[in-house]
Amino acid sequence: MSGKFSVTIWGATGYAGAELMRIIARHPHFEIAAAVSRSKAGTSVGAVHPHLRHVYNALNFISPDDAAAIKTDVAFLALPHRASAAIAVKLLETGVRVVDLSADFRLRSAGEYKNWYGIDHPAPQYLSQAVYGLPELHRAEMPQARIISGVGCNATATITALLPIARAGLIEDARIECRVGSSESGAGADAGSAHSVRARALRVVTPFVHRHAAEVTQELGLAISSFTMGVTAVELVRGIQCLAHVTLKEKVREADLWKLYRGTWNEEPFVSFTPANPTHFRIPDPRFVIGSNRVLTGFMLADDGKRMIAASAIDNLIKGAAGSAVQSANIMFGLNETDGLDMMPIYPA
């Protein structure tokens, strides 16, 4: 396809918004009509994102009020949770298709949304229309979608780590730990993200149940009682390493697991699995995916054949946010799924 689709990015001053702008700068079919920011309206993009100055030298952020008057083909909403829904509804009512990176449309049940996020959903009528934005699970529904939700970065890492064995019905229980970089908390500073507090830290943020677990139960059909999901802040800026210590329902052979992994991932353009040897590469390391839309998955099986570590690594700002959003939008508009996303990982990082 040679046509162009116009794009508005709401929340363009944040990390995910910046990644959307970086990706779309080299996208063959998307072009930015407006970058929206309430706090930086009138400011040049380069003043906020110096690494993008050479690309968007003539582009200024505009206010939400000004953006409301611009009708584009698609709007990416890189806004905080609870701020996206009202804007999404207004855009949908004018015929603009929406890819929402927040949590506002990730869960299909209004009851589950209230349970996990503590408030009534402001637009429950759209929950059944929203397609969960992980193409590896919902590719077939995306071309007809009017709204695609974002994905939780920890949920993305967990789902990709567990998907082969979850589909096979092998999981009895799992203890999941996501080791995450500082960019996961966003561009805004708070008492927990100051460099003096965050640097050289191994801080357990949520030891048992992270709210992204709601997406894991929804997408993998696992009962919340069958797993714990914790998050630990580590010495990274970007990246997530997910380790799931799994007890299997039955004894398996390593060859059977390789068959499951290959059957799940061989046809996926952005998912790879680690080699059997050398063994120190069996557990995925985020350093091998940083700067890309790639997922690296892997596993190790205990000698008893009943316990295993299922693992994955992603760049939280790309595959865990902006990259999956663009990948989903590509499918939504009938484009090549990999358009704009063929960047290689940066190594060393």
Protein backbone atom coordinates (compact mmCIF):
# COMPACT_ATOMS: atom_id res chain seq x y z
CA MET A 1 0.00 0.00 0.00
CA SER A 2 1.34 3.42 -0.94
CA GLY A 3 -1.21 5.63 0.87
CA LYS A 4 -0.67 7.71 3.98
CA PHE A 5 -2.73 7.77 7.16
CA SER A 6 -2.77 10.80 9.42
CA VAL A 7 -1.97 10.35 13.08
CA THR A 8 -2.55 12.36 16.24
CA ILE A 9 -0.54 11.51 19.36
CA TRP A 10 -2.10 12.54 22.66
CA GLY A 11 0.29 12.64 25.61
CA ALA A 12 3.21 13.15 23.26
CA THR A 13 5.58 14.51 25.92
CA GLY A 14 5.84 11.23 27.85
CA TYR A 15 8.19 8.33 27.22
CA ALA A 16 5.62 6.26 25.31
CA GLY A 17 4.57 9.32 23.32
CA ALA A 18 8.18 9.99 22.39
CA GLU A 19 8.59 6.39 21.26
CA LEU A 20 5.50 6.69 19.08
CA MET A 21 6.97 9.79 17.48
CA ARG A 22 10.32 8.09 16.95
CA ILE A 23 8.72 5.05 15.32
CA ILE A 24 6.32 7.04 13.14
CA ALA A 25 9.16 9.28 11.92
CA ARG A 26 10.35 6.33 9.83
CA HIS A 27 6.98 4.72 9.17
CA PRO A 28 6.16 4.43 5.45
CA HIS A 29 2.39 4.96 5.85
CA PHE A 30 1.77 6.98 9.02
CA GLU A 31 2.44 10.70 9.34
CA ILE A 32 1.92 12.90 12.37
CA ALA A 33 -0.69 15.61 11.99
CA ALA A 34 -0.50 16.74 15.62
CA ALA A 35 1.40 16.06 18.83
CA VAL A 36 -0.83 16.92 21.78
CA SER A 37 0.21 18.13 25.22
CA ARG A 38 -1.74 20.15 27.76
CA SER A 39 1.37 21.30 29.65
CA LYS A 40 3.67 21.97 26.66
CA ALA A 41 1.29 23.43 24.08
CA GLY A 42 3.19 25.89 21.89
CA THR A 43 6.57 24.38 22.77
CA SER A 44 8.65 22.78 20.05
CA VAL A 45 8.94 19.00 20.07
CA GLY A 46 12.72 19.25 20.05
CA ALA A 47 12.75 21.27 23.28
CA VAL A 48 11.11 18.36 25.12
CA HIS A 49 12.59 15.48 23.12
CA PRO A 50 16.10 16.57 22.07
CA HIS A 51 16.75 13.25 20.33
CA LEU A 52 13.87 14.02 17.92
CA ARG A 53 14.79 17.64 17.17
CA HIS A 54 16.37 16.84 13.81
CA VAL A 55 13.20 15.03 12.68
CA TYR A 56 10.49 17.34 14.05
CA ASN A 57 12.28 20.67 14.02
CA ALA A 58 9.23 22.55 12.73
CA LEU A 59 6.59 20.77 14.85
CA ASN A 60 5.14 22.27 18.04
CA PHE A 61 2.91 20.59 20.58
CA ILE A 62 -0.71 21.71 20.47
CA SER A 63 -3.37 21.86 23.18
CA PRO A 64 -6.13 19.27 23.59
CA ASP A 65 -8.68 21.93 22.61
CA ASP A 66 -6.87 22.59 19.33
CA ALA A 67 -6.42 18.88 18.73
CA ALA A 68 -10.15 18.26 19.10
CA ALA A 69 -10.73 20.24 15.92
CA ILE A 70 -8.37 18.05 13.88
CA LYS A 71 -9.84 14.85 12.47
CA THR A 72 -7.22 12.24 11.65
CA ASP A 73 -7.37 8.60 10.62
CA VAL A 74 -6.12 7.33 13.98
CA ALA A 75 -5.34 8.75 17.40
CA PHE A 76 -2.77 7.17 19.69
CA LEU A 77 -3.56 7.98 23.32
CA ALA A 78 -0.37 7.85 25.41
CA LEU A 79 -2.18 9.29 28.39
CA PRO A 80 -2.27 8.36 32.08
CA HIS A 81 -4.72 5.74 33.25
CA ARG A 82 -8.18 7.21 33.93
CA ALA A 83 -7.46 10.16 31.60
CA SER A 84 -7.88 8.33 28.30
CA ALA A 85 -11.44 7.07 28.33
CA ALA A 86 -13.27 10.41 27.97
CA ILE A 87 -11.03 11.51 25.11
CA ALA A 88 -11.33 8.13 23.41
CA VAL A 89 -15.12 8.36 23.47
CA LYS A 90 -15.12 11.84 21.90
CA LEU A 91 -12.76 10.70 19.15
CA LEU A 92 -14.73 7.54 18.43
CA GLU A 93 -17.93 9.57 18.13
CA THR A 94 -16.33 11.65 15.36
CA GLY A 95 -15.21 8.56 13.43
CA VAL A 96 -11.53 8.59 14.46
CA ARG A 97 -10.10 5.16 15.19
CA VAL A 98 -8.26 4.90 18.50
CA VAL A 99 -5.27 3.00 19.82
CA ASP A 100 -5.19 3.64 23.55
CA LEU A 101 -1.95 2.87 25.37
CA SER A 102 -3.47 3.34 28.85
CA ALA A 103 -5.24 0.73 30.96
CA ASP A 104 -8.69 2.22 30.38
CA PHE A 105 -9.86 -0.34 27.82
CA ARG A 106 -7.69 -3.39 28.54
CA LEU A 107 -10.23 -5.31 30.57
CA ARG A 108 -13.46 -6.54 29.03
CA SER A 109 -15.44 -6.49 32.27
CA ALA A 110 -16.50 -3.26 33.99
CA GLY A 111 -16.63 -5.19 37.24
CA GLU A 112 -13.05 -6.38 36.86
CA TYR A 113 -11.96 -2.84 35.96
CA LYS A 114 -13.47 -1.52 39.20
CA ASN A 115 -11.95 -4.39 41.16
CA TRP A 116 -8.43 -3.66 39.90
CA TYR A 117 -8.49 0.11 39.37
CA GLY A 118 -10.82 1.18 42.16
CA ILE A 119 -13.37 3.24 40.20
CA ASP A 120 -16.37 2.66 37.97
CA HIS A 121 -15.44 2.57 34.31
CA PRO A 122 -16.45 5.85 32.64
CA ALA A 123 -17.37 4.27 29.29
CA PRO A 124 -18.37 0.64 29.89
CA GLN A 125 -20.26 0.50 26.58
CA TYR A 126 -16.94 0.45 24.72
CA LEU A 127 -15.28 -2.38 26.68
CA SER A 128 -16.81 -5.10 24.53
CA GLN A 129 -15.68 -3.26 21.37
CA ALA A 130 -12.06 -2.78 22.40
CA VAL A 131 -9.59 -5.36 21.09
CA TYR A 132 -6.74 -6.20 23.45
CA GLY A 133 -3.65 -4.81 21.74
CA LEU A 134 -1.35 -7.82 21.61
CA PRO A 135 -1.29 -8.94 17.96
CA GLU A 136 0.10 -12.35 18.85
CA LEU A 137 -3.28 -13.07 20.47
CA HIS A 138 -5.81 -10.88 18.64
CA ARG A 139 -4.50 -10.30 15.13
CA ALA A 140 -7.71 -11.54 13.48
CA GLU A 141 -9.96 -9.02 15.28
CA MET A 142 -7.87 -5.92 14.62
CA PRO A 143 -8.76 -5.06 11.00
CA GLN A 144 -12.39 -4.41 11.98
CA ALA A 145 -11.62 -2.70 15.28
CA ARG A 146 -12.57 0.90 16.02
CA ILE A 147 -10.60 0.88 19.25
CA ILE A 148 -7.58 -1.16 20.26
CA SER A 149 -6.43 -1.12 23.85
CA GLY A 150 -2.91 -0.78 25.08
CA VAL A 151 -1.10 -3.62 26.80
CA GLY A 152 0.46 -3.61 30.23
CA CYS A 153 4.21 -3.96 29.80
CA ASN A 154 4.48 -6.51 32.63
CA ALA A 155 1.43 -8.30 31.29
CA THR A 156 3.06 -8.49 27.84
CA ALA A 157 6.21 -10.00 29.31
CA THR A 158 4.23 -12.47 31.43
CA ILE A 159 1.82 -13.52 28.69
CA THR A 160 4.62 -14.16 26.20
CA ALA A 161 6.58 -16.12 28.80
CA LEU A 162 3.64 -18.38 29.64
CA LEU A 163 1.65 -18.61 26.41
CA PRO A 164 3.07 -21.89 25.02
CA ILE A 165 2.45 -23.84 28.22
CA ALA A 166 -0.81 -22.03 29.06
CA ARG A 167 -2.32 -23.00 25.69
CA ALA A 168 -1.30 -26.59 26.38
CA GLY A 169 -3.07 -26.51 29.76
CA LEU A 170 0.12 -27.41 31.62
CA ILE A 171 0.22 -24.75 34.34
CA GLU A 172 -0.69 -25.90 37.85
CA ASP A 173 0.68 -22.80 39.56
CA ALA A 174 3.28 -20.12 38.90
CA ARG A 175 5.34 -17.58 40.82
CA ILE A 176 6.03 -14.69 38.46
CA GLU A 177 8.62 -11.99 38.99
CA CYS A 178 9.07 -9.09 36.57
CA ARG A 179 12.38 -7.28 36.94
CA VAL A 180 11.82 -3.80 35.54
CA GLY A 181 13.70 -0.66 34.58
CA SER A 182 13.02 2.86 35.81
CA SER A 183 11.26 4.05 32.62
CA GLU A 184 8.33 1.82 33.53
CA SER A 185 7.21 4.43 36.05
CA GLY A 186 6.97 7.11 33.35
CA ALA A 187 8.55 10.49 32.76
CA GLY A 188 7.11 12.17 35.86
CA ALA A 189 9.33 12.32 38.94
CA ASP A 190 8.17 11.28 42.39
CA ALA A 191 9.69 10.29 45.71
CA GLY A 192 10.33 6.75 44.53
CA SER A 193 11.97 7.63 41.21
CA ALA A 194 14.66 10.11 42.29
CA HIS A 195 18.09 8.95 41.15
CA SER A 196 19.45 8.78 44.69
CA VAL A 197 16.65 6.38 45.63
CA ARG A 198 16.33 4.45 42.38
CA ALA A 199 20.00 3.90 41.44
CA ARG A 200 21.62 0.58 42.42
CA ALA A 201 18.34 -0.54 43.92
CA LEU A 202 16.74 -3.98 44.03
CA ARG A 203 13.38 -2.84 45.32
CA VAL A 204 10.40 -5.15 45.49
CA VAL A 205 7.48 -3.00 44.39
CA THR A 206 4.64 -5.52 44.45
CA PRO A 207 5.49 -8.91 45.99
CA PHE A 208 2.30 -10.87 45.25
CA VAL A 209 -0.26 -9.26 42.93
CA HIS A 210 0.50 -6.56 40.39
CA ARG A 211 -2.52 -5.00 38.66
CA HIS A 212 -1.29 -6.26 35.27
CA ALA A 213 -2.24 -9.70 36.61
CA ALA A 214 -5.80 -8.83 35.55
CA GLU A 215 -4.68 -8.97 31.92
CA VAL A 216 -2.91 -12.28 32.48
CA THR A 217 -6.04 -13.90 33.90
CA GLN A 218 -8.14 -12.47 31.08
CA GLU A 219 -5.86 -13.39 28.20
CA LEU A 220 -4.50 -16.74 29.39
CA GLY A 221 -7.55 -17.97 31.29
CA LEU A 222 -5.53 -18.59 34.46
CA ALA A 223 -7.26 -18.29 37.82
CA ILE A 224 -5.75 -15.54 39.96
CA SER A 225 -5.49 -18.09 42.76
CA SER A 226 -3.03 -20.14 40.68
CA PHE A 227 -0.26 -17.56 40.47
CA THR A 228 1.47 -14.66 42.12
CA MET A 229 2.90 -11.76 40.14
CA GLY A 230 5.51 -9.48 41.67
CA VAL A 231 7.56 -6.59 40.32
CA THR A 232 11.13 -5.73 41.33
CA ALA A 233 12.82 -2.46 40.36
CA VAL A 234 16.37 -3.12 39.15
CA GLU A 235 19.30 -1.14 37.73
CA LEU A 236 17.93 -0.62 34.24
CA VAL A 237 16.39 2.31 32.38
CA ARG A 238 14.60 0.19 29.78
CA GLY A 239 13.67 -3.44 29.83
CA ILE A 240 11.73 -6.17 31.58
CA GLN A 241 12.88 -9.68 32.39
CA CYS A 242 9.98 -11.93 33.38
CA LEU A 243 10.75 -15.13 35.30
CA ALA A 244 7.88 -17.51 35.95
CA HIS A 245 8.66 -20.43 38.27
CA VAL A 246 6.03 -22.90 37.15
CA THR A 247 4.78 -26.17 38.59
CA LEU A 248 3.42 -28.28 35.75
CA LYS A 249 0.31 -30.45 35.92
CA GLU A 250 2.21 -33.40 34.51
CA LYS A 251 5.76 -34.46 33.86
CA VAL A 252 7.10 -33.35 30.48
CA ARG A 253 10.22 -33.84 28.40
CA GLU A 254 12.34 -30.93 27.24
CA ALA A 255 11.69 -32.00 23.64
CA ASP A 256 7.96 -31.56 24.25
CA LEU A 257 8.53 -28.00 25.48
CA TRP A 258 10.63 -27.14 22.44
CA LYS A 259 7.78 -28.38 20.26
CA LEU A 260 5.31 -26.14 22.13
CA TYR A 261 7.57 -23.09 21.86
CA ARG A 262 8.23 -23.60 18.16
CA GLY A 263 4.56 -24.22 17.46
CA THR A 264 3.62 -21.02 19.26
CA TRP A 265 6.31 -18.65 18.01
CA ASN A 266 7.80 -19.83 14.71
CA GLU A 267 5.43 -17.73 12.57
CA GLU A 268 5.50 -14.60 14.74
CA PRO A 269 7.52 -11.74 13.20
CA PHE A 270 8.69 -10.25 16.51
CA VAL A 271 9.12 -13.25 18.81
CA SER A 272 12.23 -15.39 19.12
CA PHE A 273 13.26 -18.04 21.60
CA THR A 274 16.65 -18.54 23.16
CA PRO A 275 18.89 -21.41 22.02
CA ALA A 276 19.40 -24.55 24.04
CA ASN A 277 23.13 -23.82 24.26
CA PRO A 278 25.07 -22.12 25.69
CA THR A 279 23.03 -22.63 28.85
CA HIS A 280 23.77 -19.15 30.23
CA PHE A 281 21.68 -17.73 27.35
CA ARG A 282 18.68 -19.97 28.08
CA ILE A 283 17.01 -17.32 30.24
CA PRO A 284 16.30 -14.20 28.12
CA ASP A 285 18.16 -11.01 28.98
CA PRO A 286 16.57 -7.62 28.11
CA ARG A 287 19.90 -6.36 26.79
CA PHE A 288 19.30 -8.40 23.63
CA VAL A 289 16.00 -6.66 22.76
CA ILE A 290 16.53 -3.07 23.94
CA GLY A 291 15.55 -0.51 21.32
CA SER A 292 13.40 -2.97 19.36
CA ASN A 293 9.88 -4.37 19.18
CA ARG A 294 11.17 -7.86 19.76
CA VAL A 295 10.28 -10.42 22.42
CA LEU A 296 12.80 -13.01 23.52
CA THR A 297 11.37 -16.10 25.23
CA GLY A 298 13.00 -19.12 26.80
CA PHE A 299 12.74 -21.82 29.43
CA MET A 300 14.65 -24.22 31.63
CA LEU A 301 13.22 -27.52 32.84
CA ALA A 302 14.12 -29.09 36.18
CA ASP A 303 15.35 -32.67 36.29
CA ASP A 304 12.03 -33.87 37.71
CA GLY A 305 10.18 -32.73 34.57
CA LYS A 306 7.51 -31.07 36.71
CA ARG A 307 9.12 -27.71 37.46
CA MET A 308 10.33 -25.14 34.98
CA ILE A 309 11.24 -21.51 34.55
CA ALA A 310 9.37 -19.86 31.68
CA ALA A 311 10.88 -16.50 30.82
CA SER A 312 10.74 -13.54 28.47
CA ALA A 313 12.46 -10.22 27.87
CA ILE A 314 11.08 -7.07 26.23
CA ASP A 315 11.77 -3.36 25.91
CA ASN A 316 8.94 -1.99 28.04
CA LEU A 317 8.63 1.24 26.04
CA ILE A 318 8.41 -0.51 22.68
CA LYS A 319 6.92 -4.00 22.74
CA GLY A 320 5.38 -3.15 26.11
CA ALA A 321 3.82 0.09 24.84
CA ALA A 322 4.47 2.10 21.65
CA GLY A 323 5.70 -0.76 19.47
CA SER A 324 2.72 -3.00 20.13
CA ALA A 325 0.47 0.01 19.54
CA VAL A 326 1.98 0.69 16.11
CA GLN A 327 2.01 -3.03 15.28
CA SER A 328 -1.72 -3.15 16.12
CA ALA A 329 -2.45 -0.01 14.10
CA ASN A 330 -0.63 -1.51 11.11
CA ILE A 331 -3.02 -4.46 11.21
CA MET A 332 -6.00 -2.18 11.80
CA PHE A 333 -5.27 -0.34 8.54
CA GLY A 334 -4.34 -3.40 6.46
CA LEU A 335 -0.64 -2.57 6.35
CA ASN A 336 2.36 -4.84 6.67
CA GLU A 337 2.49 -5.70 10.35
CA THR A 338 6.19 -4.91 10.57
CA ASP A 339 6.00 -1.43 8.96
CA GLY A 340 8.07 1.05 10.95
CA LEU A 341 9.14 -1.63 13.41
CA ASP A 342 12.13 -3.26 11.76
CA MET A 343 14.64 -1.55 14.06
CA MET A 344 17.37 -3.84 15.40
CA PRO A 345 18.14 -4.13 19.10
CA ILE A 346 20.94 -1.91 20.40
CA TYR A 347 23.87 -3.84 21.86
CA PRO A 348 25.59 -3.33 24.21
CA ALA A 349 22.99 -1.39 26.13
